Amino acid sequence: MPVPWRDSADAFAEVLRRHRVEPAAVADVAAAWQAFTEFLQIEVSGTDADGDADGFIVQWGRYQWTDKLPTLTFTRQLAIATDRDDDPYPVYWQLSLEMCFGDHAELAGVEALNTRNTGFSFSVVGPDRLADLAEARAEVDQYRQLRAMWRMRPASSRLTFEAAC
């Protein structure tokens, strides 16, 4: 049964907790990834019927808003349909699990990698999305800094759900 888009943050938090992951205190990145993978197999209702309405991306780097700490983020992006005649375009919302790490030597250079994300995937829920998730995970495994993040305990984490534009 699809989850209403407005309830998707609660649904993701519930899946995280089933995997023994607290959104504000992630202790196991691999368990968080398993929860994210499961959550991405849940259909979300209320998304725009046209275009790329439901997708995901994995991002990494050092950002101003995280005090330049190494960061790994799992994001689901939803294009939400509007019923306003004066604005026919969807509103984009991002539900993100952001994990920040201490400044460990193993993470040096994460900001200088030749890419900072896996790129968006908008495959549909089911086998195609599972294949894209496996591809994203394989891309992450190409970088020693990201493999190290996968083994480390984040110093902090947070779950956000906000309009992207």
N, C-alpha and C. Protein backbone atom coordinates (compact mmCIF):
# COMPACT_ATOMS: atom_id res chain seq x y z
N MET A 1 0.84 -1.18 0.00
CA MET A 1 0.00 0.00 0.00
C MET A 1 0.90 1.25 0.00
N PRO A 2 0.64 2.18 -0.92
CA PRO A 2 1.48 3.39 -0.98
C PRO A 2 1.35 4.25 0.27
N VAL A 3 2.44 4.94 0.57
CA VAL A 3 2.49 5.89 1.68
C VAL A 3 2.19 7.27 1.11
N PRO A 4 1.29 8.05 1.74
CA PRO A 4 1.09 9.42 1.28
C PRO A 4 2.41 10.20 1.40
N TRP A 5 2.70 11.04 0.41
CA TRP A 5 3.98 11.73 0.39
C TRP A 5 4.26 12.51 1.66
N ARG A 6 3.22 13.10 2.26
CA ARG A 6 3.42 13.88 3.49
C ARG A 6 3.86 13.01 4.67
N ASP A 7 3.60 11.71 4.58
CA ASP A 7 3.96 10.78 5.65
C ASP A 7 5.26 10.03 5.37
N SER A 8 5.93 10.37 4.28
CA SER A 8 7.11 9.59 3.88
C SER A 8 8.26 9.70 4.89
N ALA A 9 8.43 10.84 5.54
CA ALA A 9 9.51 10.96 6.54
C ALA A 9 9.24 10.03 7.72
N ASP A 10 7.99 9.97 8.16
CA ASP A 10 7.63 9.06 9.25
C ASP A 10 7.83 7.61 8.82
N ALA A 11 7.48 7.31 7.57
CA ALA A 11 7.64 5.94 7.08
C ALA A 11 9.11 5.55 7.03
N PHE A 12 9.96 6.47 6.57
CA PHE A 12 11.40 6.18 6.53
C PHE A 12 11.95 6.01 7.94
N ALA A 13 11.57 6.87 8.86
CA ALA A 13 12.02 6.76 10.25
C ALA A 13 11.61 5.41 10.84
N GLU A 14 10.41 4.96 10.51
CA GLU A 14 9.94 3.66 11.01
C GLU A 14 10.79 2.52 10.45
N VAL A 15 11.10 2.59 9.15
CA VAL A 15 11.94 1.55 8.54
C VAL A 15 13.34 1.58 9.17
N LEU A 16 13.88 2.77 9.37
CA LEU A 16 15.19 2.87 10.02
C LEU A 16 15.17 2.19 11.39
N ARG A 17 14.16 2.48 12.17
CA ARG A 17 14.09 1.90 13.53
C ARG A 17 13.92 0.39 13.50
N ARG A 18 13.21 -0.13 12.50
CA ARG A 18 13.11 -1.59 12.36
C ARG A 18 14.49 -2.21 12.12
N HIS A 19 15.38 -1.42 11.52
CA HIS A 19 16.75 -1.88 11.27
C HIS A 19 17.68 -1.48 12.41
N ARG A 20 17.10 -1.04 13.52
CA ARG A 20 17.84 -0.62 14.72
C ARG A 20 18.75 0.58 14.44
N VAL A 21 18.22 1.51 13.65
CA VAL A 21 18.93 2.74 13.32
C VAL A 21 18.09 3.91 13.81
N GLU A 22 18.67 4.72 14.67
CA GLU A 22 18.00 5.94 15.11
C GLU A 22 18.40 7.07 14.17
N PRO A 23 17.44 7.74 13.54
CA PRO A 23 17.78 8.79 12.57
C PRO A 23 18.71 9.87 13.10
N ALA A 24 18.58 10.24 14.37
CA ALA A 24 19.41 11.29 14.95
C ALA A 24 20.68 10.75 15.60
N ALA A 25 20.90 9.45 15.51
CA ALA A 25 22.08 8.84 16.12
C ALA A 25 22.47 7.56 15.38
N VAL A 26 22.72 7.67 14.08
CA VAL A 26 23.09 6.50 13.29
C VAL A 26 24.40 5.94 13.83
N ALA A 27 24.42 4.65 14.09
CA ALA A 27 25.62 3.99 14.58
C ALA A 27 26.19 3.02 13.55
N ASP A 28 25.39 2.66 12.54
CA ASP A 28 25.77 1.64 11.58
C ASP A 28 25.31 2.08 10.18
N VAL A 29 26.25 2.54 9.37
CA VAL A 29 25.92 3.04 8.03
C VAL A 29 25.36 1.92 7.16
N ALA A 30 25.91 0.72 7.27
CA ALA A 30 25.42 -0.40 6.46
C ALA A 30 23.95 -0.70 6.79
N ALA A 31 23.58 -0.65 8.07
CA ALA A 31 22.18 -0.87 8.46
C ALA A 31 21.31 0.27 7.94
N ALA A 32 21.82 1.49 7.97
CA ALA A 32 21.06 2.63 7.42
C ALA A 32 20.84 2.44 5.93
N TRP A 33 21.84 1.93 5.22
CA TRP A 33 21.70 1.68 3.78
C TRP A 33 20.64 0.60 3.54
N GLN A 34 20.66 -0.45 4.34
CA GLN A 34 19.63 -1.50 4.19
C GLN A 34 18.24 -0.92 4.39
N ALA A 35 18.09 -0.05 5.38
CA ALA A 35 16.80 0.60 5.62
C ALA A 35 16.42 1.50 4.45
N PHE A 36 17.37 2.25 3.93
CA PHE A 36 17.12 3.12 2.78
C PHE A 36 16.68 2.29 1.58
N THR A 37 17.36 1.18 1.35
CA THR A 37 17.00 0.28 0.25
C THR A 37 15.57 -0.23 0.41
N GLU A 38 15.22 -0.62 1.62
CA GLU A 38 13.85 -1.09 1.89
C GLU A 38 12.84 0.05 1.68
N PHE A 39 13.16 1.22 2.20
CA PHE A 39 12.26 2.36 2.08
C PHE A 39 12.03 2.73 0.61
N LEU A 40 13.04 2.61 -0.20
CA LEU A 40 12.90 2.95 -1.63
C LEU A 40 12.03 1.96 -2.39
N GLN A 41 11.67 0.85 -1.76
CA GLN A 41 10.76 -0.11 -2.39
C GLN A 41 9.31 0.13 -1.98
N ILE A 42 9.08 1.16 -1.18
CA ILE A 42 7.72 1.53 -0.79
C ILE A 42 7.23 2.62 -1.74
N GLU A 43 6.08 2.40 -2.34
CA GLU A 43 5.53 3.41 -3.23
C GLU A 43 5.01 4.59 -2.43
N VAL A 44 5.14 5.78 -3.01
CA VAL A 44 4.68 7.00 -2.39
C VAL A 44 3.58 7.59 -3.27
N SER A 45 2.44 7.91 -2.66
CA SER A 45 1.33 8.49 -3.42
C SER A 45 1.40 10.02 -3.38
N GLY A 46 0.78 10.64 -4.38
CA GLY A 46 0.73 12.10 -4.45
C GLY A 46 1.85 12.70 -5.27
N THR A 47 2.67 11.86 -5.88
CA THR A 47 3.73 12.39 -6.72
C THR A 47 3.18 12.74 -8.09
N ASP A 48 3.90 13.58 -8.79
CA ASP A 48 3.52 14.03 -10.12
C ASP A 48 3.54 12.84 -11.08
N ALA A 49 2.50 12.72 -11.86
CA ALA A 49 2.41 11.58 -12.78
C ALA A 49 3.37 11.72 -13.97
N ASP A 50 3.76 12.94 -14.27
CA ASP A 50 4.66 13.17 -15.41
C ASP A 50 6.10 13.28 -14.95
N GLY A 51 7.00 12.82 -15.78
CA GLY A 51 8.42 13.03 -15.52
C GLY A 51 8.99 12.16 -14.43
N ASP A 52 10.05 12.65 -13.86
CA ASP A 52 10.81 11.92 -12.85
C ASP A 52 10.29 12.29 -11.47
N ALA A 53 9.27 11.58 -11.03
CA ALA A 53 8.55 11.96 -9.81
C ALA A 53 9.11 11.35 -8.54
N ASP A 54 9.88 10.28 -8.64
CA ASP A 54 10.36 9.59 -7.45
C ASP A 54 11.74 9.01 -7.75
N GLY A 55 12.74 9.55 -7.09
CA GLY A 55 14.09 9.09 -7.37
C GLY A 55 14.96 9.13 -6.13
N PHE A 56 16.21 8.71 -6.31
CA PHE A 56 17.14 8.72 -5.19
C PHE A 56 18.53 9.11 -5.68
N ILE A 57 19.34 9.55 -4.72
CA ILE A 57 20.73 9.91 -4.97
C ILE A 57 21.52 9.68 -3.69
N VAL A 58 22.77 9.32 -3.83
CA VAL A 58 23.71 9.24 -2.72
C VAL A 58 24.75 10.33 -2.96
N GLN A 59 25.01 11.14 -1.92
CA GLN A 59 25.93 12.27 -2.06
C GLN A 59 26.98 12.23 -0.96
N TRP A 60 28.14 12.83 -1.25
CA TRP A 60 29.21 12.87 -0.27
C TRP A 60 30.06 14.11 -0.50
N GLY A 61 30.79 14.47 0.54
CA GLY A 61 31.68 15.62 0.45
C GLY A 61 31.82 16.31 1.78
N ARG A 62 32.25 17.56 1.71
CA ARG A 62 32.37 18.44 2.88
C ARG A 62 31.57 19.68 2.54
N TYR A 63 30.69 20.07 3.44
CA TYR A 63 29.78 21.17 3.16
C TYR A 63 29.83 22.23 4.25
N GLN A 64 29.53 23.45 3.87
CA GLN A 64 29.49 24.56 4.82
C GLN A 64 28.52 24.25 5.97
N TRP A 65 27.35 23.73 5.64
CA TRP A 65 26.32 23.50 6.67
C TRP A 65 26.64 22.34 7.61
N THR A 66 27.70 21.58 7.30
CA THR A 66 28.13 20.52 8.21
C THR A 66 29.51 20.84 8.80
N ASP A 67 29.82 22.11 8.85
CA ASP A 67 31.13 22.56 9.37
C ASP A 67 32.29 21.91 8.64
N LYS A 68 32.08 21.62 7.37
CA LYS A 68 33.12 21.04 6.51
C LYS A 68 33.56 19.64 6.95
N LEU A 69 32.72 18.96 7.74
CA LEU A 69 33.01 17.59 8.13
C LEU A 69 32.67 16.65 6.96
N PRO A 70 33.36 15.53 6.82
CA PRO A 70 33.00 14.56 5.80
C PRO A 70 31.56 14.09 6.01
N THR A 71 30.80 14.09 4.93
CA THR A 71 29.36 13.81 5.02
C THR A 71 28.95 12.81 3.95
N LEU A 72 28.04 11.93 4.33
CA LEU A 72 27.44 10.96 3.43
C LEU A 72 25.93 11.09 3.59
N THR A 73 25.22 11.24 2.47
CA THR A 73 23.78 11.49 2.53
C THR A 73 23.04 10.56 1.58
N PHE A 74 21.97 9.94 2.09
CA PHE A 74 21.05 9.13 1.29
C PHE A 74 19.78 9.96 1.12
N THR A 75 19.39 10.24 -0.12
CA THR A 75 18.25 11.13 -0.38
C THR A 75 17.25 10.49 -1.33
N ARG A 76 15.98 10.63 -0.98
CA ARG A 76 14.87 10.30 -1.89
C ARG A 76 14.22 11.62 -2.27
N GLN A 77 14.09 11.84 -3.57
CA GLN A 77 13.47 13.08 -4.06
C GLN A 77 12.12 12.76 -4.66
N LEU A 78 11.13 13.55 -4.27
CA LEU A 78 9.76 13.38 -4.76
C LEU A 78 9.30 14.65 -5.46
N ALA A 79 8.72 14.49 -6.62
CA ALA A 79 8.09 15.61 -7.32
C ALA A 79 6.61 15.53 -6.97
N ILE A 80 6.12 16.54 -6.25
CA ILE A 80 4.75 16.51 -5.75
C ILE A 80 3.86 17.32 -6.68
N ALA A 81 2.80 16.67 -7.12
CA ALA A 81 1.86 17.32 -8.01
C ALA A 81 1.13 18.46 -7.30
N THR A 82 0.90 19.53 -8.01
CA THR A 82 0.09 20.63 -7.47
C THR A 82 -1.21 20.67 -8.25
N ASP A 83 -2.24 21.17 -7.62
CA ASP A 83 -3.53 21.29 -8.31
C ASP A 83 -3.85 22.75 -8.62
N ARG A 84 -2.81 23.58 -8.58
CA ARG A 84 -3.00 24.99 -8.85
C ARG A 84 -2.93 25.25 -10.35
N ASP A 85 -3.94 25.91 -10.87
CA ASP A 85 -3.96 26.24 -12.29
C ASP A 85 -2.89 27.26 -12.67
N ASP A 86 -2.53 28.14 -11.72
CA ASP A 86 -1.54 29.18 -12.02
C ASP A 86 -0.10 28.67 -11.94
N ASP A 87 0.11 27.45 -11.44
CA ASP A 87 1.44 26.88 -11.34
C ASP A 87 1.37 25.37 -11.59
N PRO A 88 1.47 24.96 -12.84
CA PRO A 88 1.30 23.54 -13.17
C PRO A 88 2.52 22.67 -12.88
N TYR A 89 3.61 23.27 -12.41
CA TYR A 89 4.82 22.50 -12.18
C TYR A 89 4.83 21.86 -10.80
N PRO A 90 5.46 20.69 -10.70
CA PRO A 90 5.52 20.03 -9.39
C PRO A 90 6.46 20.75 -8.43
N VAL A 91 6.30 20.48 -7.16
CA VAL A 91 7.20 20.97 -6.12
C VAL A 91 8.09 19.80 -5.73
N TYR A 92 9.38 20.03 -5.67
CA TYR A 92 10.32 18.95 -5.34
C TYR A 92 10.63 18.96 -3.84
N TRP A 93 10.51 17.79 -3.24
CA TRP A 93 10.82 17.59 -1.83
C TRP A 93 11.93 16.56 -1.73
N GLN A 94 12.83 16.77 -0.78
CA GLN A 94 13.90 15.81 -0.55
C GLN A 94 13.85 15.31 0.89
N LEU A 95 13.86 14.01 1.01
CA LEU A 95 13.91 13.32 2.30
C LEU A 95 15.31 12.73 2.40
N SER A 96 16.11 13.26 3.33
CA SER A 96 17.53 12.91 3.39
C SER A 96 17.95 12.42 4.76
N LEU A 97 18.76 11.39 4.76
CA LEU A 97 19.47 10.96 5.95
C LEU A 97 20.91 11.40 5.77
N GLU A 98 21.30 12.42 6.53
CA GLU A 98 22.63 13.01 6.43
C GLU A 98 23.47 12.51 7.60
N MET A 99 24.65 11.96 7.28
CA MET A 99 25.55 11.43 8.31
C MET A 99 26.89 12.14 8.19
N CYS A 100 27.32 12.75 9.30
CA CYS A 100 28.59 13.47 9.35
C CYS A 100 29.60 12.65 10.15
N PHE A 101 30.84 12.71 9.72
CA PHE A 101 31.90 11.92 10.34
C PHE A 101 32.98 12.82 10.89
N GLY A 102 33.72 12.31 11.86
CA GLY A 102 34.87 13.05 12.36
C GLY A 102 35.91 13.19 11.27
N ASP A 103 36.85 14.05 11.49
CA ASP A 103 37.88 14.33 10.49
C ASP A 103 39.00 13.29 10.56
N HIS A 104 38.69 12.05 10.24
CA HIS A 104 39.64 10.94 10.28
C HIS A 104 40.56 10.98 9.06
N ALA A 105 41.78 10.51 9.23
CA ALA A 105 42.76 10.47 8.13
C ALA A 105 42.25 9.64 6.95
N GLU A 106 41.48 8.59 7.25
CA GLU A 106 40.94 7.73 6.18
C GLU A 106 39.98 8.48 5.25
N LEU A 107 39.44 9.60 5.72
CA LEU A 107 38.46 10.34 4.92
C LEU A 107 39.08 11.53 4.19
N ALA A 108 40.38 11.72 4.34
CA ALA A 108 41.07 12.83 3.68
C ALA A 108 40.86 12.74 2.17
N GLY A 109 40.55 13.86 1.56
CA GLY A 109 40.38 13.92 0.12
C GLY A 109 38.97 13.62 -0.37
N VAL A 110 38.03 13.36 0.52
CA VAL A 110 36.67 13.04 0.09
C VAL A 110 36.07 14.18 -0.73
N GLU A 111 36.48 15.41 -0.40
CA GLU A 111 35.94 16.57 -1.11
C GLU A 111 36.56 16.72 -2.50
N ALA A 112 37.65 16.02 -2.78
CA ALA A 112 38.35 16.16 -4.05
C ALA A 112 38.12 14.98 -5.01
N LEU A 113 37.22 14.08 -4.64
CA LEU A 113 36.94 12.95 -5.54
C LEU A 113 36.39 13.48 -6.85
N ASN A 114 36.53 12.70 -7.92
CA ASN A 114 36.12 13.17 -9.24
C ASN A 114 34.61 13.30 -9.40
N THR A 115 33.85 12.85 -8.43
CA THR A 115 32.40 13.03 -8.42
C THR A 115 31.95 13.15 -6.97
N ARG A 116 30.81 13.79 -6.77
CA ARG A 116 30.30 13.98 -5.41
C ARG A 116 28.98 13.29 -5.17
N ASN A 117 28.53 12.51 -6.15
CA ASN A 117 27.27 11.81 -5.99
C ASN A 117 27.14 10.73 -7.04
N THR A 118 26.12 9.91 -6.85
CA THR A 118 25.86 8.82 -7.79
C THR A 118 25.02 9.25 -8.98
N GLY A 119 24.51 10.48 -8.93
CA GLY A 119 23.54 10.90 -9.94
C GLY A 119 22.18 10.37 -9.54
N PHE A 120 21.14 11.06 -9.98
CA PHE A 120 19.79 10.64 -9.64
C PHE A 120 19.38 9.40 -10.43
N SER A 121 18.67 8.53 -9.78
CA SER A 121 18.01 7.40 -10.44
C SER A 121 16.52 7.57 -10.24
N PHE A 122 15.78 7.45 -11.32
CA PHE A 122 14.32 7.58 -11.26
C PHE A 122 13.64 6.29 -11.71
N SER A 123 14.30 5.16 -11.51
CA SER A 123 13.69 3.89 -11.87
C SER A 123 12.48 3.63 -10.96
N VAL A 124 11.57 2.82 -11.47
CA VAL A 124 10.34 2.54 -10.72
C VAL A 124 10.62 1.53 -9.61
N VAL A 125 9.79 1.57 -8.59
CA VAL A 125 9.87 0.62 -7.48
C VAL A 125 9.82 -0.79 -8.05
N GLY A 126 10.69 -1.65 -7.54
CA GLY A 126 10.73 -3.03 -8.01
C GLY A 126 12.14 -3.41 -8.44
N PRO A 127 12.26 -4.40 -9.31
CA PRO A 127 13.57 -4.91 -9.70
C PRO A 127 14.49 -3.85 -10.33
N ASP A 128 13.93 -2.95 -11.12
CA ASP A 128 14.77 -1.92 -11.75
C ASP A 128 15.39 -1.01 -10.70
N ARG A 129 14.62 -0.63 -9.70
CA ARG A 129 15.16 0.23 -8.65
C ARG A 129 16.20 -0.54 -7.82
N LEU A 130 15.94 -1.80 -7.53
CA LEU A 130 16.92 -2.60 -6.80
C LEU A 130 18.24 -2.68 -7.57
N ALA A 131 18.15 -2.83 -8.87
CA ALA A 131 19.37 -2.87 -9.70
C ALA A 131 20.10 -1.53 -9.63
N ASP A 132 19.37 -0.44 -9.68
CA ASP A 132 20.00 0.89 -9.59
C ASP A 132 20.62 1.13 -8.21
N LEU A 133 19.98 0.62 -7.16
CA LEU A 133 20.56 0.72 -5.82
C LEU A 133 21.86 -0.07 -5.74
N ALA A 134 21.88 -1.25 -6.33
CA ALA A 134 23.11 -2.05 -6.34
C ALA A 134 24.21 -1.34 -7.12
N GLU A 135 23.83 -0.68 -8.21
CA GLU A 135 24.80 0.08 -9.00
C GLU A 135 25.34 1.27 -8.21
N ALA A 136 24.47 1.96 -7.48
CA ALA A 136 24.90 3.08 -6.65
C ALA A 136 25.87 2.61 -5.58
N ARG A 137 25.56 1.49 -4.97
CA ARG A 137 26.43 0.94 -3.92
C ARG A 137 27.78 0.55 -4.51
N ALA A 138 27.78 -0.02 -5.70
CA ALA A 138 29.04 -0.38 -6.36
C ALA A 138 29.86 0.87 -6.68
N GLU A 139 29.19 1.95 -7.06
CA GLU A 139 29.91 3.20 -7.33
C GLU A 139 30.57 3.72 -6.06
N VAL A 140 29.84 3.69 -4.95
CA VAL A 140 30.39 4.13 -3.67
C VAL A 140 31.63 3.31 -3.32
N ASP A 141 31.59 2.02 -3.59
CA ASP A 141 32.70 1.13 -3.25
C ASP A 141 33.97 1.42 -4.05
N GLN A 142 33.88 2.23 -5.08
CA GLN A 142 35.07 2.57 -5.87
C GLN A 142 36.02 3.52 -5.13
N TYR A 143 35.54 4.16 -4.09
CA TYR A 143 36.32 5.19 -3.40
C TYR A 143 36.67 4.74 -1.98
N ARG A 144 37.95 4.75 -1.67
CA ARG A 144 38.40 4.27 -0.35
C ARG A 144 37.79 5.09 0.78
N GLN A 145 37.61 6.40 0.58
CA GLN A 145 37.04 7.24 1.63
C GLN A 145 35.59 6.84 1.94
N LEU A 146 34.85 6.51 0.90
CA LEU A 146 33.45 6.13 1.10
C LEU A 146 33.34 4.73 1.69
N ARG A 147 34.23 3.85 1.30
CA ARG A 147 34.27 2.53 1.94
C ARG A 147 34.57 2.68 3.43
N ALA A 148 35.46 3.61 3.76
CA ALA A 148 35.79 3.86 5.17
C ALA A 148 34.57 4.40 5.92
N MET A 149 33.83 5.32 5.28
CA MET A 149 32.62 5.86 5.92
C MET A 149 31.64 4.73 6.24
N TRP A 150 31.53 3.78 5.32
CA TRP A 150 30.59 2.67 5.49
C TRP A 150 30.92 1.86 6.74
N ARG A 151 32.20 1.86 7.15
CA ARG A 151 32.62 1.09 8.33
C ARG A 151 32.63 1.91 9.61
N MET A 152 32.57 3.23 9.48
CA MET A 152 32.69 4.10 10.65
C MET A 152 31.34 4.43 11.27
N ARG A 153 31.41 4.84 12.51
CA ARG A 153 30.23 5.34 13.20
C ARG A 153 30.18 6.86 12.96
N PRO A 154 29.08 7.37 12.41
CA PRO A 154 28.98 8.82 12.21
C PRO A 154 29.04 9.57 13.54
N ALA A 155 29.63 10.76 13.50
CA ALA A 155 29.67 11.61 14.69
C ALA A 155 28.30 12.22 14.95
N SER A 156 27.53 12.42 13.88
CA SER A 156 26.16 12.95 14.01
C SER A 156 25.37 12.54 12.78
N SER A 157 24.06 12.62 12.92
CA SER A 157 23.18 12.33 11.79
C SER A 157 21.85 13.04 12.00
N ARG A 158 21.15 13.20 10.90
CA ARG A 158 19.82 13.81 11.00
C ARG A 158 19.00 13.42 9.78
N LEU A 159 17.71 13.37 10.01
CA LEU A 159 16.74 13.08 8.95
C LEU A 159 16.00 14.38 8.67
N THR A 160 16.01 14.80 7.41
CA THR A 160 15.33 16.03 7.03
C THR A 160 14.35 15.75 5.90
N PHE A 161 13.31 16.56 5.86
CA PHE A 161 12.31 16.48 4.80
C PHE A 161 11.91 17.90 4.47
N GLU A 162 12.39 18.39 3.33
CA GLU A 162 12.15 19.79 3.00
C GLU A 162 12.04 19.99 1.50
N ALA A 163 11.37 21.08 1.15
CA ALA A 163 11.24 21.45 -0.25
C ALA A 163 12.61 21.79 -0.80
N ALA A 164 12.91 21.25 -1.98
CA ALA A 164 14.22 21.46 -2.59
C ALA A 164 14.23 22.71 -3.48
N CYS A 165 13.11 23.03 -4.03
CA CYS A 165 13.02 24.25 -4.86
C CYS A 165 11.57 24.59 -5.09
